[in-house]
């Protein structure tokens, strides 16, 4: 206690002249225990009143400032982009300072200042950050634009599919109604004896046979597409004479109403290599292609249809050609899609369901082959079926 009292007396005597200059009247109005800070030349004073007592606490200002300056230097890492400084009364602020804080209420004349260590490096970093933000924003905008484009295309495609399905239902209904109406009219004529001569009777029988074949092919296509859409359609591939299958298919379709007025030129040699195929499915492909050739040739008045068979490297090709209205380049990309029908006015005048080529492509894919088309508007089209010599999977 003697040492404590001696130290207190030493500091009191050392700072006595400053104590006499302190505004001792200030704490008179202070609340109980409230501190008031006053900075002098050598001391930092805290004054308070407690009950009837009046207390003054003196702190060594020089020691406090040394500690603060040391903290300002040591608390900032050496590799930091900012530095901290303690500025006293009258000291000028650096030009590159970012922010400052006054040490209120204890050291009202002193400030802690944050300064950029390397302004040029900071400017470069800000430029990089600004560029990075711009790139991120640009990328986000690009992603949104691309997403909007894809969404628009997807919606447009869905609307097109919905429209094509609606057209398909209407076309199938029309295609079914037309042969049924013809069969019914001719059957009623026969039933009520409206056909008198043998020629009239034969004509009625021919119409009934022709329309029933047409109806049968239409129903087969619809059922086949339904099975394909469900993924349940299968084909039995056996090694067989592809040339014989082609000739049988041509003989079959030549008796139909659509083709019987056409000149079908068949150039398929009988010595074609043996090909693994489903004869009924390939017959259906050829009937679809020849029927289409006859249908779209009638618009130009052409009566020629060519069926060509040839051996190519690694396979056999069967081509069906016509000199009809042809196919526009934009339509060639989509003619094998389900329900798709050309927007060309001449093409839309012809009846159809829009699934024949889809079924043909599916059948060729199942055979490990392919179907391709070459066409020029107004000049005709050629559809080529390509069969591999080896069965699928070998």
Protein backbone atom coordinates (compact mmCIF):
# COMPACT_ATOMS: atom_id res chain seq x y z
CA UNK A 1 0.00 0.00 0.00
CA UNK A 2 2.92 2.32 0.69
CA UNK A 3 4.21 1.66 -2.84
CA UNK A 4 0.76 2.31 -4.30
CA UNK A 5 0.40 5.54 -2.40
CA UNK A 6 3.92 6.63 -3.38
CA UNK A 7 3.20 5.97 -7.06
CA UNK A 8 -0.06 7.88 -6.83
CA UNK A 9 1.71 10.80 -5.21
CA UNK A 10 4.40 10.70 -7.88
CA UNK A 11 1.88 10.89 -10.72
CA UNK A 12 -0.19 13.46 -8.89
CA UNK A 13 2.84 15.67 -8.46
CA UNK A 14 3.99 14.98 -12.01
CA UNK A 15 0.64 15.96 -13.50
CA UNK A 16 -0.46 18.41 -10.85
CA UNK A 17 -0.22 21.39 -13.14
CA UNK A 18 -2.53 19.66 -15.62
CA UNK A 19 -5.00 18.68 -12.90
CA UNK A 20 -5.31 22.33 -11.94
CA UNK A 21 -6.29 23.20 -15.54
CA UNK A 22 -8.99 20.51 -15.84
CA UNK A 23 -12.62 21.68 -16.06
CA UNK A 24 -13.54 20.24 -12.72
CA UNK A 25 -16.93 21.86 -12.75
CA UNK A 26 -18.13 19.62 -15.65
CA UNK A 27 -19.03 16.53 -13.58
CA UNK A 28 -21.28 18.63 -11.35
CA UNK A 29 -24.26 17.85 -13.60
CA UNK A 30 -23.27 14.29 -14.47
CA UNK A 31 -25.34 11.30 -13.51
CA UNK A 32 -24.14 8.95 -10.86
CA UNK A 33 -21.19 6.94 -12.24
CA UNK A 34 -21.13 8.64 -15.65
CA UNK A 35 -17.63 9.21 -17.01
CA UNK A 36 -16.43 12.39 -18.70
CA UNK A 37 -13.19 12.23 -20.62
CA UNK A 38 -10.77 15.08 -21.02
CA UNK A 39 -7.52 15.04 -22.97
CA UNK A 40 -4.66 17.18 -21.80
CA UNK A 41 -1.08 17.55 -22.97
CA UNK A 42 0.30 14.50 -21.15
CA UNK A 43 -2.71 12.76 -19.68
CA UNK A 44 -6.09 11.31 -20.51
CA UNK A 45 -8.48 12.04 -17.65
CA UNK A 46 -11.70 10.36 -16.65
CA UNK A 47 -13.88 12.25 -14.19
CA UNK A 48 -17.00 11.07 -12.42
CA UNK A 49 -19.12 11.78 -9.35
CA UNK A 50 -20.37 8.96 -7.14
CA UNK A 51 -22.74 9.94 -4.38
CA UNK A 52 -20.93 12.74 -2.52
CA UNK A 53 -17.53 11.68 -3.79
CA UNK A 54 -15.67 13.18 -6.77
CA UNK A 55 -13.16 10.99 -8.55
CA UNK A 56 -10.52 11.72 -11.16
CA UNK A 57 -8.62 8.94 -12.99
CA UNK A 58 -5.46 9.88 -14.89
CA UNK A 59 -4.05 7.75 -17.73
CA UNK A 60 -0.66 8.16 -19.38
CA UNK A 61 -1.49 9.57 -22.79
CA UNK A 62 1.93 8.81 -24.30
CA UNK A 63 1.74 5.13 -23.30
CA UNK A 64 -1.80 4.85 -24.67
CA UNK A 65 -0.78 6.36 -28.02
CA UNK A 66 2.23 4.07 -28.29
CA UNK A 67 -0.02 1.05 -27.72
CA UNK A 68 -2.57 2.30 -30.23
CA UNK A 69 0.03 2.89 -32.90
CA UNK A 70 1.51 -0.52 -32.29
CA UNK A 71 -1.91 -2.12 -32.54
CA UNK A 72 -2.58 -0.25 -35.81
CA UNK A 73 0.60 -1.70 -37.28
CA UNK A 74 0.37 -5.25 -35.92
CA UNK A 75 -3.35 -5.81 -36.48
CA UNK A 76 -3.01 -5.35 -40.25
CA UNK A 77 -1.38 -8.32 -42.12
CA UNK A 78 1.69 -7.50 -44.16
CA UNK A 79 0.00 -8.67 -47.37
CA UNK A 80 -3.18 -6.70 -46.74
CA UNK A 81 -4.31 -4.15 -49.27
CA UNK A 82 -5.02 -1.61 -46.52
CA UNK A 83 -2.94 0.00 -43.78
CA UNK A 84 -4.04 1.58 -40.52
CA UNK A 85 -2.59 4.81 -39.06
CA UNK A 86 -3.22 6.79 -35.93
CA UNK A 87 -3.34 10.54 -36.62
CA UNK A 88 -3.00 13.09 -33.88
CA UNK A 89 -4.20 16.67 -33.60
CA UNK A 90 -3.29 18.76 -36.65
CA UNK A 91 -1.88 15.89 -38.71
CA UNK A 92 -3.03 15.90 -42.36
CA UNK A 93 -5.02 13.01 -43.76
CA UNK A 94 -3.31 11.02 -46.56
CA UNK A 95 -4.71 11.53 -50.06
CA UNK A 96 -5.51 7.82 -50.54
CA UNK A 97 -7.34 7.29 -47.27
CA UNK A 98 -10.63 5.41 -47.47
CA UNK A 99 -12.22 6.03 -44.10
CA UNK A 100 -11.48 7.31 -40.62
CA UNK A 101 -12.89 6.99 -37.11
CA UNK A 102 -12.46 9.55 -34.33
CA UNK A 103 -11.56 8.00 -30.96
CA UNK A 104 -14.56 9.44 -29.16
CA UNK A 105 -15.16 10.08 -26.38
CA UNK A 106 -11.69 9.33 -25.02
CA UNK A 107 -9.34 10.93 -27.59
CA UNK A 108 -11.47 13.41 -29.47
CA UNK A 109 -8.49 14.86 -31.34
CA UNK A 110 -7.16 11.52 -32.54
CA UNK A 111 -8.37 9.44 -35.50
CA UNK A 112 -7.75 5.95 -36.86
CA UNK A 113 -7.36 6.15 -40.66
CA UNK A 114 -7.58 3.33 -43.24
CA UNK A 115 -5.19 3.92 -46.16
CA UNK A 116 -4.73 1.98 -49.44
CA UNK A 117 -1.30 0.35 -49.38
CA UNK A 118 -0.92 0.35 -53.21
CA UNK A 119 -3.47 2.61 -54.96
CA UNK A 120 -2.49 1.37 -58.43
CA UNK A 121 -2.87 -2.27 -57.42
CA UNK A 122 -6.20 -1.41 -55.81
CA UNK A 123 -7.33 0.31 -59.03
CA UNK A 124 -6.34 -2.75 -61.05
CA UNK A 125 -8.18 -5.01 -58.64
CA UNK A 126 -11.26 -2.82 -58.82
CA UNK A 127 -11.05 -2.89 -62.61
CA UNK A 128 -10.83 -6.70 -62.54
CA UNK A 129 -13.74 -6.91 -60.15
CA UNK A 130 -15.77 -4.53 -62.29
CA UNK A 131 -15.00 -6.58 -65.41
CA UNK A 132 -15.83 -9.77 -63.56
CA UNK A 133 -19.18 -8.37 -62.47
CA UNK A 134 -19.91 -7.22 -66.01
CA UNK A 135 -19.04 -10.67 -67.37
CA UNK A 136 -21.20 -12.37 -64.75
CA UNK A 137 -24.12 -10.08 -65.55
CA UNK A 138 -23.60 -10.58 -69.29
CA UNK A 139 -23.44 -14.35 -68.80
CA UNK A 140 -26.60 -14.30 -66.71
CA UNK A 141 -28.37 -12.23 -69.36
CA UNK A 142 -27.12 -14.58 -72.08
CA UNK A 143 -28.35 -17.60 -70.12
CA UNK A 144 -31.74 -15.98 -69.68
CA UNK A 145 -31.93 -15.08 -73.37
CA UNK A 146 -30.89 -18.59 -74.44
CA UNK A 147 -33.38 -20.06 -71.98
CA UNK A 148 -36.11 -17.81 -73.34
CA UNK A 149 -35.23 -18.82 -76.91
CA UNK A 150 -35.24 -22.52 -76.08
CA UNK A 151 -38.45 -22.16 -74.12
CA UNK A 152 -40.06 -20.34 -77.03
CA UNK A 153 -38.89 -23.01 -79.45
CA UNK A 154 -40.07 -25.78 -77.14
CA UNK A 155 -43.47 -24.17 -76.75
CA UNK A 156 -43.67 -23.57 -80.50
CA UNK A 157 -42.73 -27.19 -81.16
CA UNK A 158 -45.31 -28.44 -78.68
CA UNK A 159 -47.93 -26.28 -80.36
CA UNK A 160 -46.87 -27.65 -83.75
CA UNK A 161 -47.15 -31.22 -82.45
CA UNK A 162 -50.57 -30.47 -81.01
CA UNK A 163 -51.67 -28.94 -84.29
CA UNK A 164 -50.27 -31.88 -86.27
CA UNK A 165 -52.09 -34.34 -84.00
CA UNK A 166 -55.31 -32.42 -84.55
CA UNK A 167 -54.71 -32.48 -88.31
CA UNK A 168 -53.91 -36.19 -88.09
CA UNK A 169 -57.21 -36.92 -86.36
CA UNK A 170 -59.08 -34.88 -88.96
CA UNK A 171 -57.18 -36.48 -91.86
CA UNK A 172 -57.70 -40.02 -90.55
CA UNK A 173 -61.39 -39.33 -90.06
CA UNK A 174 -61.62 -38.04 -93.62
CA UNK A 175 -59.53 -40.91 -95.01
CA UNK A 176 -61.71 -43.45 -93.22
CA UNK A 177 -64.96 -41.79 -94.18
CA UNK A 178 -64.12 -41.62 -97.88
CA UNK A 179 -63.68 -45.39 -98.58
CA UNK A 180 -66.46 -46.32 -96.17
CA UNK A 181 -68.82 -43.96 -98.02
CA UNK A 182 -67.85 -45.42 -101.41
CA UNK A 183 -68.23 -49.00 -100.18
CA UNK A 184 -71.63 -48.21 -98.68
CA UNK A 185 -72.91 -46.44 -101.81
CA UNK A 186 -71.85 -49.23 -104.14
CA UNK A 187 -73.16 -51.91 -101.78
CA UNK A 188 -76.55 -50.16 -101.56
CA UNK A 189 -76.65 -49.87 -105.35
CA UNK A 190 -76.07 -53.60 -105.63
CA UNK A 191 -78.58 -54.35 -102.88
CA UNK A 192 -81.39 -52.35 -104.47
CA UNK A 193 -80.61 -53.51 -108.01
CA UNK A 194 -79.56 -50.12 -109.33
CA UNK A 195 -76.83 -51.70 -111.48
CA UNK A 196 -78.43 -53.23 -114.57
CA UNK A 197 -75.63 -54.25 -116.91
CA UNK A 198 -72.71 -56.59 -116.24
CA UNK A 199 -70.35 -53.66 -116.79
CA UNK A 200 -72.06 -51.64 -114.06
CA UNK A 201 -71.99 -54.60 -111.72
CA UNK A 202 -68.27 -55.10 -112.41
CA UNK A 203 -67.58 -51.40 -111.85
CA UNK A 204 -69.38 -51.51 -108.49
CA UNK A 205 -67.46 -54.61 -107.42
CA UNK A 206 -64.18 -52.98 -108.46
CA UNK A 207 -64.95 -49.88 -106.37
CA UNK A 208 -65.83 -51.99 -103.33
CA UNK A 209 -62.63 -54.02 -103.71
CA UNK A 210 -60.49 -50.96 -104.34
CA UNK A 211 -61.85 -48.94 -101.43
CA UNK A 212 -61.69 -51.91 -99.05
CA UNK A 213 -57.98 -52.34 -99.94
CA UNK A 214 -57.43 -48.65 -99.38
CA UNK A 215 -59.26 -48.84 -96.06
CA UNK A 216 -57.24 -51.89 -95.06
CA UNK A 217 -53.93 -50.14 -95.77
CA UNK A 218 -55.02 -47.08 -93.83
CA UNK A 219 -56.06 -49.13 -90.81
CA UNK A 220 -52.81 -51.12 -90.97
CA UNK A 221 -50.78 -47.90 -90.97
CA UNK A 222 -52.68 -46.47 -88.02
CA UNK A 223 -52.36 -49.68 -86.02
CA UNK A 224 -48.69 -50.02 -86.88
CA UNK A 225 -47.95 -46.45 -85.83
CA UNK A 226 -49.84 -46.99 -82.57
CA UNK A 227 -47.69 -50.07 -81.86
CA UNK A 228 -44.53 -48.17 -82.80
CA UNK A 229 -45.48 -45.27 -80.53
CA UNK A 230 -45.97 -47.74 -77.64
CA UNK A 231 -42.66 -49.43 -78.45
CA UNK A 232 -44.33 -52.82 -78.92
CA UNK A 233 -43.86 -53.23 -82.67
CA UNK A 234 -41.39 -55.96 -83.56
CA UNK A 235 -40.21 -57.47 -86.82
CA UNK A 236 -38.93 -60.95 -87.65
CA UNK A 237 -35.86 -60.69 -89.88
CA UNK A 238 -35.13 -63.75 -91.94
CA UNK A 239 -32.64 -64.24 -94.79
CA UNK A 240 -34.65 -63.90 -97.98
CA UNK A 241 -34.81 -62.82 -101.60
CA UNK A 242 -35.21 -59.05 -101.45
CA UNK A 243 -35.83 -58.83 -105.22
CA UNK A 244 -38.78 -61.21 -104.90
CA UNK A 245 -40.21 -59.13 -102.05
CA UNK A 246 -39.93 -55.96 -104.16
CA UNK A 247 -41.60 -57.48 -107.21
CA UNK A 248 -44.43 -58.89 -105.09
CA UNK A 249 -44.99 -55.50 -103.46
CA UNK A 250 -45.10 -53.76 -106.87
CA UNK A 251 -47.54 -56.36 -108.23
CA UNK A 252 -49.70 -55.86 -105.15
CA UNK A 253 -49.87 -52.07 -105.33
CA UNK A 254 -50.25 -51.90 -109.14
CA UNK A 255 -53.81 -53.22 -108.90
CA UNK A 256 -54.84 -50.44 -106.49
CA UNK A 257 -56.85 -47.45 -107.62
CA UNK A 258 -54.05 -44.95 -106.92
CA UNK A 259 -51.45 -46.73 -109.03
CA UNK A 260 -53.30 -48.62 -111.73
CA UNK A 261 -53.25 -45.60 -114.06
CA UNK A 262 -49.49 -45.09 -113.53
CA UNK A 263 -46.62 -46.50 -115.56
CA UNK A 264 -44.49 -48.31 -112.99
CA UNK A 265 -41.07 -49.12 -114.38
CA UNK A 266 -39.36 -51.83 -112.32
CA UNK A 267 -35.65 -52.35 -112.74
CA UNK A 268 -34.78 -54.71 -109.91
CA UNK A 269 -32.49 -57.62 -110.87
CA UNK A 270 -33.44 -61.02 -109.47
CA UNK A 271 -29.87 -61.84 -108.51
CA UNK A 272 -29.67 -59.37 -105.64
CA UNK A 273 -27.80 -60.71 -102.58
CA UNK A 274 -29.76 -62.39 -99.81
CA UNK A 275 -30.81 -59.82 -97.20
CA UNK A 276 -32.25 -60.39 -93.72
CA UNK A 277 -35.65 -58.69 -93.78
CA UNK A 278 -39.30 -58.91 -92.77
CA UNK A 279 -41.08 -59.34 -96.12
CA UNK A 280 -44.43 -57.95 -94.92
CA UNK A 281 -42.80 -54.87 -93.39
CA UNK A 282 -40.71 -54.13 -96.51
CA UNK A 283 -43.83 -54.60 -98.64
CA UNK A 284 -45.55 -52.01 -96.48
CA UNK A 285 -42.60 -49.60 -96.98
CA UNK A 286 -42.72 -49.97 -100.76
CA UNK A 287 -46.50 -49.62 -100.88
CA UNK A 288 -46.26 -46.39 -98.87
CA UNK A 289 -43.55 -44.98 -101.14
CA UNK A 290 -45.22 -46.00 -104.41
CA UNK A 291 -48.61 -44.71 -103.24
CA UNK A 292 -47.03 -41.37 -102.32
CA UNK A 293 -45.26 -41.22 -105.69
CA UNK A 294 -48.53 -41.81 -107.52
CA UNK A 295 -50.41 -39.33 -105.34
CA UNK A 296 -47.96 -36.44 -105.76
CA UNK A 297 -47.30 -37.16 -109.45
CA UNK A 298 -50.95 -36.64 -110.35
CA UNK A 299 -50.64 -32.93 -109.56
CA UNK A 300 -48.13 -32.49 -112.41
CA UNK A 301 -49.79 -34.91 -114.82
CA UNK A 302 -46.86 -37.29 -114.74
CA UNK A 303 -47.64 -41.02 -114.88
CA UNK A 304 -44.12 -42.42 -114.44
CA UNK A 305 -42.86 -44.18 -111.31
CA UNK A 306 -39.49 -45.91 -111.21
CA UNK A 307 -38.41 -48.70 -108.88
CA UNK A 308 -34.68 -49.41 -109.05
CA UNK A 309 -32.63 -52.05 -107.22
CA UNK A 310 -28.85 -52.16 -107.11
CA UNK A 311 -25.94 -53.49 -105.11
CA UNK A 312 -23.77 -50.89 -103.41
CA UNK A 313 -20.75 -51.13 -101.17
CA UNK A 314 -21.78 -52.94 -98.02
CA UNK A 315 -25.46 -53.26 -98.90
CA UNK A 316 -28.39 -53.17 -101.30
CA UNK A 317 -30.47 -50.13 -102.26
CA UNK A 318 -34.08 -49.98 -103.48
CA UNK A 319 -35.05 -46.56 -104.89
CA UNK A 320 -38.57 -45.30 -105.70
CA UNK A 321 -38.61 -42.26 -107.98
CA UNK A 322 -41.29 -40.01 -109.45
CA UNK A 323 -41.61 -36.84 -111.50
CA UNK A 324 -44.16 -35.16 -109.28
CA UNK A 325 -44.32 -31.88 -107.43
CA UNK A 326 -41.16 -32.54 -105.41
CA UNK A 327 -40.39 -31.52 -101.83
CA UNK A 328 -39.15 -28.16 -100.57
CA UNK A 329 -35.78 -28.11 -98.80
CA UNK A 330 -37.37 -26.99 -95.51
CA UNK A 331 -39.85 -29.87 -95.63
CA UNK A 332 -37.20 -32.54 -96.34
CA UNK A 333 -35.82 -32.03 -92.83
CA UNK A 334 -39.19 -32.91 -91.25
CA UNK A 335 -41.08 -35.25 -93.58
CA UNK A 336 -40.17 -38.27 -91.43
CA UNK A 337 -41.62 -36.71 -88.26
CA UNK A 338 -44.96 -38.08 -87.05
CA UNK A 339 -48.05 -36.25 -88.37
CA UNK A 340 -45.96 -33.74 -90.33
CA UNK A 341 -47.42 -32.51 -93.59
CA UNK A 342 -45.93 -29.90 -95.88
CA UNK A 343 -47.30 -26.37 -95.81
CA UNK A 344 -47.05 -26.26 -99.61
CA UNK A 345 -50.52 -25.72 -101.08
CA UNK A 346 -50.03 -28.34 -103.82
CA UNK A 347 -48.93 -30.94 -101.29
CA UNK A 348 -51.75 -30.24 -98.84
CA UNK A 349 -54.35 -30.77 -101.57
CA UNK A 350 -53.43 -34.46 -101.54
CA UNK A 351 -54.99 -36.70 -98.93
CA UNK A 352 -52.80 -38.28 -96.30
CA UNK A 353 -52.31 -38.96 -92.61
CA UNK A 354 -48.66 -37.95 -92.22
CA UNK A 355 -47.50 -41.26 -90.69
CA UNK A 356 -46.54 -43.34 -93.73
CA UNK A 357 -42.96 -42.07 -93.95
CA UNK A 358 -42.59 -42.25 -90.16
CA UNK A 359 -43.52 -45.94 -90.25
CA UNK A 360 -41.15 -46.52 -93.19
CA UNK A 361 -38.22 -44.94 -91.36
CA UNK A 362 -38.97 -46.99 -88.23
CA UNK A 363 -39.05 -50.21 -90.26
CA UNK A 364 -35.73 -49.40 -91.92
CA UNK A 365 -34.15 -48.56 -88.56
CA UNK A 366 -35.34 -51.93 -87.24
CA UNK A 367 -33.63 -53.61 -90.22
CA UNK A 368 -30.36 -51.80 -89.45
CA UNK A 369 -30.80 -49.80 -92.64
CA UNK A 370 -31.83 -46.29 -93.54
CA UNK A 371 -34.08 -44.22 -95.77
CA UNK A 372 -32.95 -41.07 -97.56
CA UNK A 373 -34.57 -38.66 -99.99
CA UNK A 374 -33.43 -36.45 -102.82
CA UNK A 375 -35.90 -34.00 -104.31
CA UNK A 376 -36.26 -30.83 -106.32
CA UNK A 377 -39.51 -28.85 -106.30
CA UNK A 378 -41.32 -29.34 -109.58
CA UNK A 379 -38.90 -32.05 -110.74
CA UNK A 380 -39.80 -35.04 -108.57
CA UNK A 381 -38.40 -37.06 -105.70
CA UNK A 382 -36.39 -40.23 -105.08
CA UNK A 383 -36.68 -42.19 -101.83
CA UNK A 384 -33.91 -44.75 -101.28
CA UNK A 385 -34.10 -47.72 -98.91
CA UNK A 386 -30.66 -49.04 -97.96
CA UNK A 387 -30.27 -52.55 -96.53
CA UNK A 388 -27.07 -53.86 -94.94
CA UNK A 389 -25.75 -57.23 -96.10
CA UNK A 390 -25.23 -58.29 -92.49
CA UNK A 391 -28.23 -58.51 -90.13
CA UNK A 392 -28.46 -55.98 -87.28
CA UNK A 393 -26.24 -56.82 -84.34
CA UNK A 394 -23.59 -58.67 -86.35
